[in-house]
Protein backbone atom coordinates (compact mmCIF):
# COMPACT_ATOMS: atom_id res chain seq x y z
CA UNK A 1 -0.21 -0.43 -0.02
CA UNK A 2 1.28 3.33 -1.14
CA UNK A 3 1.71 6.00 1.85
CA UNK A 4 -1.48 7.74 -0.47
CA UNK A 5 -3.14 4.57 0.57
CA UNK A 6 -3.62 3.35 -3.02
CA UNK A 7 -3.04 -0.25 -3.37
CA UNK A 8 -0.99 -1.03 -6.56
CA UNK A 9 0.23 -4.52 -8.04
CA UNK A 10 3.66 -5.49 -7.72
CA UNK A 11 4.24 -6.30 -11.00
CA UNK A 12 2.53 -2.72 -12.61
CA UNK A 13 5.29 -1.43 -9.63
CA UNK A 14 8.20 -3.18 -11.00
CA UNK A 15 7.51 -2.22 -14.73
CA UNK A 16 7.23 1.59 -13.83
CA UNK A 17 10.56 1.11 -12.29
CA UNK A 18 12.64 -0.64 -14.63
CA UNK A 19 10.84 2.19 -17.14
CA UNK A 20 11.70 5.07 -15.16
CA UNK A 21 15.13 3.27 -14.92
CA UNK A 22 15.69 3.14 -18.77
CA UNK A 23 14.60 6.70 -19.53
CA UNK A 24 16.76 8.08 -16.44
CA UNK A 25 19.85 6.30 -18.70
CA UNK A 26 18.67 7.57 -21.60
CA UNK A 27 18.50 10.68 -20.26
CA UNK A 28 22.19 10.42 -19.21
CA UNK A 29 23.91 8.65 -22.15
CA UNK A 30 21.89 11.58 -24.10
CA UNK A 31 23.76 14.45 -22.07
CA UNK A 32 26.82 13.07 -22.34
CA UNK A 33 28.75 14.53 -25.36
CA UNK A 34 28.18 12.24 -27.87
CA UNK A 35 29.06 14.65 -30.80
CA UNK A 36 25.36 15.83 -31.77
CA UNK A 37 24.25 12.33 -31.88
CA UNK A 38 20.77 11.79 -30.03
CA UNK A 39 20.24 8.11 -29.15
CA UNK A 40 16.61 6.41 -28.59
CA UNK A 41 15.57 3.62 -26.41
CA UNK A 42 15.12 1.80 -29.52
CA UNK A 43 18.49 1.92 -29.97
CA UNK A 44 19.76 -0.24 -27.33
CA UNK A 45 19.72 -3.78 -26.89
CA UNK A 46 18.35 -3.74 -23.19
CA UNK A 47 19.50 -6.85 -20.75
CA UNK A 48 18.03 -6.79 -16.98
CA UNK A 49 20.12 -9.19 -14.99
CA UNK A 50 18.80 -11.22 -12.12
CA UNK A 51 20.90 -13.19 -9.32
CA UNK A 52 21.34 -16.87 -10.19
CA UNK A 53 20.02 -17.60 -6.38
CA UNK A 54 16.86 -16.25 -6.91
CA UNK A 55 13.98 -18.60 -7.12
CA UNK A 56 12.93 -19.81 -10.57
CA UNK A 57 9.67 -17.26 -9.62
CA UNK A 58 11.19 -14.09 -8.43
CA UNK A 59 13.16 -14.79 -12.00
CA UNK A 60 9.72 -15.13 -14.22
CA UNK A 61 8.24 -12.11 -12.08
CA UNK A 62 11.44 -9.80 -13.49
CA UNK A 63 10.96 -11.73 -17.12
CA UNK A 64 7.65 -10.51 -17.54
CA UNK A 65 8.01 -7.07 -15.64
CA UNK A 66 10.28 -6.32 -18.00
CA UNK A 67 8.50 -7.34 -20.84
CA UNK A 68 5.74 -5.16 -19.88
CA UNK A 69 7.97 -2.55 -19.89
CA UNK A 70 9.19 -3.43 -23.78
CA UNK A 71 5.37 -3.81 -25.28
CA UNK A 72 4.70 -0.34 -24.16
CA UNK A 73 7.37 1.48 -25.82
CA UNK A 74 8.98 -0.49 -28.78
CA UNK A 75 7.27 -4.31 -28.57
CA UNK A 76 9.65 -4.85 -31.86
CA UNK A 77 12.08 -4.88 -29.59
CA UNK A 78 10.79 -7.79 -27.39
CA UNK A 79 13.20 -10.66 -27.42
CA UNK A 80 12.33 -13.23 -24.96
CA UNK A 81 15.15 -15.37 -23.20
């Protein structure tokens, strides 16, 4: 439960957090001196890693959260491994 009393599903929260991290990463890349080039999120092959000791259900949860972000931003770029 959020501080304001709202209830949010964990999947939605994690996918929003992953999207935020990706957006911030792109801001950092584009803020650096790239000789005037601007990169898009689709120019990057995103990889989310999880610790090997995580349970399979936790790994699958993160995979689904990442895929959810990918579907919203650029469905053609979704790769499931």
